[in-house]
Amino acid sequence: AIGSEPKSLLAGVLKEGALISATGVAAGAIGGFAFARLAGSYIEDVTIPGPLTIAGAAMVLVAAAVLASIVPAARASRVDVVDALRPE
């Protein structure tokens, strides 16, 4: 972060937040499908929602995670590096 511009720092933090949330959504989708198949073998009326519903939910979750990372990213981009590294 030393010497980087606030815009690039903000973009980097948002990119990491999106990557982490997308990984979590993918892992959750895989686990959800596996659990639904397992539950379907014991319970007859278990159905998996359509792809549009799953994609919509995934987009909402990723958007929420990116929005949640905006505040820490904006705060990190305003911090003076010299002040942050100075011992108290």
C-alpha atoms as a PDB file:
ATOM      1  CA  ALA A   1       0.000   0.000   0.000  1.00  0.00           C
ATOM      2  CA  ILE A   2       3.004   2.284   0.362  1.00  0.00           C
ATOM      3  CA  GLY A   3       3.129   4.598  -2.628  1.00  0.00           C
ATOM      4  CA  SER A   4      -0.109   3.368  -4.140  1.00  0.00           C
ATOM      5  CA  GLU A   5      -2.849   5.731  -5.164  1.00  0.00           C
ATOM      6  CA  PRO A   6      -6.110   5.705  -3.175  1.00  0.00           C
ATOM      7  CA  LYS A   7      -8.073   4.602  -6.266  1.00  0.00           C
ATOM      8  CA  SER A   8      -5.876   1.544  -6.800  1.00  0.00           C
ATOM      9  CA  LEU A   9      -6.026   0.667  -3.100  1.00  0.00           C
ATOM     10  CA  LEU A  10      -9.819   0.987  -3.135  1.00  0.00           C
ATOM     11  CA  ALA A  11     -10.067  -1.144  -6.280  1.00  0.00           C
ATOM     12  CA  GLY A  12      -7.759  -3.791  -4.812  1.00  0.00           C
ATOM     13  CA  VAL A  13      -9.755  -4.133  -1.607  1.00  0.00           C
ATOM     14  CA  LEU A  14     -13.043  -4.307  -3.526  1.00  0.00           C
ATOM     15  CA  LYS A  15     -11.586  -6.889  -5.910  1.00  0.00           C
ATOM     16  CA  GLU A  16     -10.456  -9.048  -2.977  1.00  0.00           C
ATOM     17  CA  GLY A  17     -13.882  -8.738  -1.354  1.00  0.00           C
ATOM     18  CA  ALA A  18     -15.596  -9.814  -4.560  1.00  0.00           C
ATOM     19  CA  LEU A  19     -13.213 -12.749  -5.003  1.00  0.00           C
ATOM     20  CA  ILE A  20     -13.704 -13.969  -1.445  1.00  0.00           C
ATOM     21  CA  SER A  21     -17.481 -13.677  -1.671  1.00  0.00           C
ATOM     22  CA  ALA A  22     -17.614 -15.374  -5.080  1.00  0.00           C
ATOM     23  CA  THR A  23     -15.549 -18.248  -3.694  1.00  0.00           C
ATOM     24  CA  GLY A  24     -17.926 -18.543  -0.749  1.00  0.00           C
ATOM     25  CA  VAL A  25     -20.968 -18.475  -3.016  1.00  0.00           C
ATOM     26  CA  ALA A  26     -19.478 -21.179  -5.252  1.00  0.00           C
ATOM     27  CA  ALA A  27     -18.627 -23.380  -2.256  1.00  0.00           C
ATOM     28  CA  GLY A  28     -22.097 -22.832  -0.827  1.00  0.00           C
ATOM     29  CA  ALA A  29     -23.755 -23.688  -4.132  1.00  0.00           C
ATOM     30  CA  ILE A  30     -21.763 -26.909  -4.447  1.00  0.00           C
ATOM     31  CA  GLY A  31     -22.537 -27.853  -0.855  1.00  0.00           C
ATOM     32  CA  GLY A  32     -26.201 -26.931  -1.304  1.00  0.00           C
ATOM     33  CA  PHE A  33     -26.577 -29.087  -4.394  1.00  0.00           C
ATOM     34  CA  ALA A  34     -24.865 -32.005  -2.654  1.00  0.00           C
ATOM     35  CA  PHE A  35     -27.067 -31.614   0.425  1.00  0.00           C
ATOM     36  CA  ALA A  36     -30.210 -31.354  -1.704  1.00  0.00           C
ATOM     37  CA  ARG A  37     -29.303 -34.581  -3.517  1.00  0.00           C
ATOM     38  CA  LEU A  38     -28.631 -36.290  -0.189  1.00  0.00           C
ATOM     39  CA  ALA A  39     -31.867 -35.003   1.330  1.00  0.00           C
ATOM     40  CA  GLY A  40     -33.729 -35.987  -1.848  1.00  0.00           C
ATOM     41  CA  SER A  41     -32.703 -39.580  -1.338  1.00  0.00           C
ATOM     42  CA  TYR A  42     -34.474 -39.587   2.048  1.00  0.00           C
ATOM     43  CA  ILE A  43     -37.355 -37.172   1.384  1.00  0.00           C
ATOM     44  CA  GLU A  44     -39.365 -37.432  -1.834  1.00  0.00           C
ATOM     45  CA  ASP A  45     -40.487 -33.832  -2.359  1.00  0.00           C
ATOM     46  CA  VAL A  46     -37.095 -32.088  -2.227  1.00  0.00           C
ATOM     47  CA  THR A  47     -36.546 -30.002  -5.352  1.00  0.00           C
ATOM     48  CA  ILE A  48     -33.657 -27.783  -6.363  1.00  0.00           C
ATOM     49  CA  PRO A  49     -34.673 -24.241  -7.395  1.00  0.00           C
ATOM     50  CA  GLY A  50     -34.192 -23.198 -10.995  1.00  0.00           C
ATOM     51  CA  PRO A  51     -30.923 -21.746 -12.300  1.00  0.00           C
ATOM     52  CA  LEU A  52     -32.355 -18.217 -12.489  1.00  0.00           C
ATOM     53  CA  THR A  53     -33.223 -18.279  -8.786  1.00  0.00           C
ATOM     54  CA  ILE A  54     -29.799 -19.591  -7.822  1.00  0.00           C
ATOM     55  CA  ALA A  55     -27.977 -17.086 -10.042  1.00  0.00           C
ATOM     56  CA  GLY A  56     -30.079 -14.235  -8.636  1.00  0.00           C
ATOM     57  CA  ALA A  57     -29.350 -15.236  -5.058  1.00  0.00           C
ATOM     58  CA  ALA A  58     -25.642 -15.555  -5.844  1.00  0.00           C
ATOM     59  CA  MET A  59     -25.580 -12.084  -7.398  1.00  0.00           C
ATOM     60  CA  VAL A  60     -27.341 -10.588  -4.379  1.00  0.00           C
ATOM     61  CA  LEU A  61     -24.848 -12.220  -1.997  1.00  0.00           C
ATOM     62  CA  VAL A  62     -21.809 -11.049  -3.977  1.00  0.00           C
ATOM     63  CA  ALA A  63     -23.253  -7.519  -4.263  1.00  0.00           C
ATOM     64  CA  ALA A  64     -23.878  -7.422  -0.504  1.00  0.00           C
ATOM     65  CA  ALA A  65     -20.310  -8.521   0.188  1.00  0.00           C
ATOM     66  CA  VAL A  66     -18.880  -5.892  -2.158  1.00  0.00           C
ATOM     67  CA  LEU A  67     -21.051  -3.209  -0.559  1.00  0.00           C
ATOM     68  CA  ALA A  68     -19.895  -4.363   2.877  1.00  0.00           C
ATOM     69  CA  SER A  69     -16.262  -4.012   1.818  1.00  0.00           C
ATOM     70  CA  ILE A  70     -16.680  -0.452   0.520  1.00  0.00           C
ATOM     71  CA  VAL A  71     -16.510   1.153   3.980  1.00  0.00           C
ATOM     72  CA  PRO A  72     -13.221  -0.514   5.055  1.00  0.00           C
ATOM     73  CA  ALA A  73     -11.785   0.084   1.576  1.00  0.00           C
ATOM     74  CA  ALA A  74     -12.636   3.775   1.677  1.00  0.00           C
ATOM     75  CA  ARG A  75     -11.208   4.068   5.177  1.00  0.00           C
ATOM     76  CA  ALA A  76      -7.996   2.314   4.126  1.00  0.00           C
ATOM     77  CA  SER A  77      -7.596   4.573   1.109  1.00  0.00           C
ATOM     78  CA  ARG A  78      -7.755   7.701   3.317  1.00  0.00           C
ATOM     79  CA  VAL A  79      -5.135   6.561   5.847  1.00  0.00           C
ATOM     80  CA  ASP A  80      -1.774   8.282   5.633  1.00  0.00           C
ATOM     81  CA  VAL A  81       0.801   5.484   5.411  1.00  0.00           C
ATOM     82  CA  VAL A  82       3.438   7.371   7.406  1.00  0.00           C
ATOM     83  CA  ASP A  83       0.990   7.977  10.270  1.00  0.00           C
ATOM     84  CA  ALA A  84      -0.126   4.357  10.205  1.00  0.00           C
ATOM     85  CA  LEU A  85       3.444   3.060  10.443  1.00  0.00           C
ATOM     86  CA  ARG A  86       4.551   5.503  13.151  1.00  0.00           C
ATOM     87  CA  PRO A  87       4.776   3.834  16.572  1.00  0.00           C
ATOM     88  CA  GLU A  88       2.588   5.374  19.237  1.00  0.00           C
END
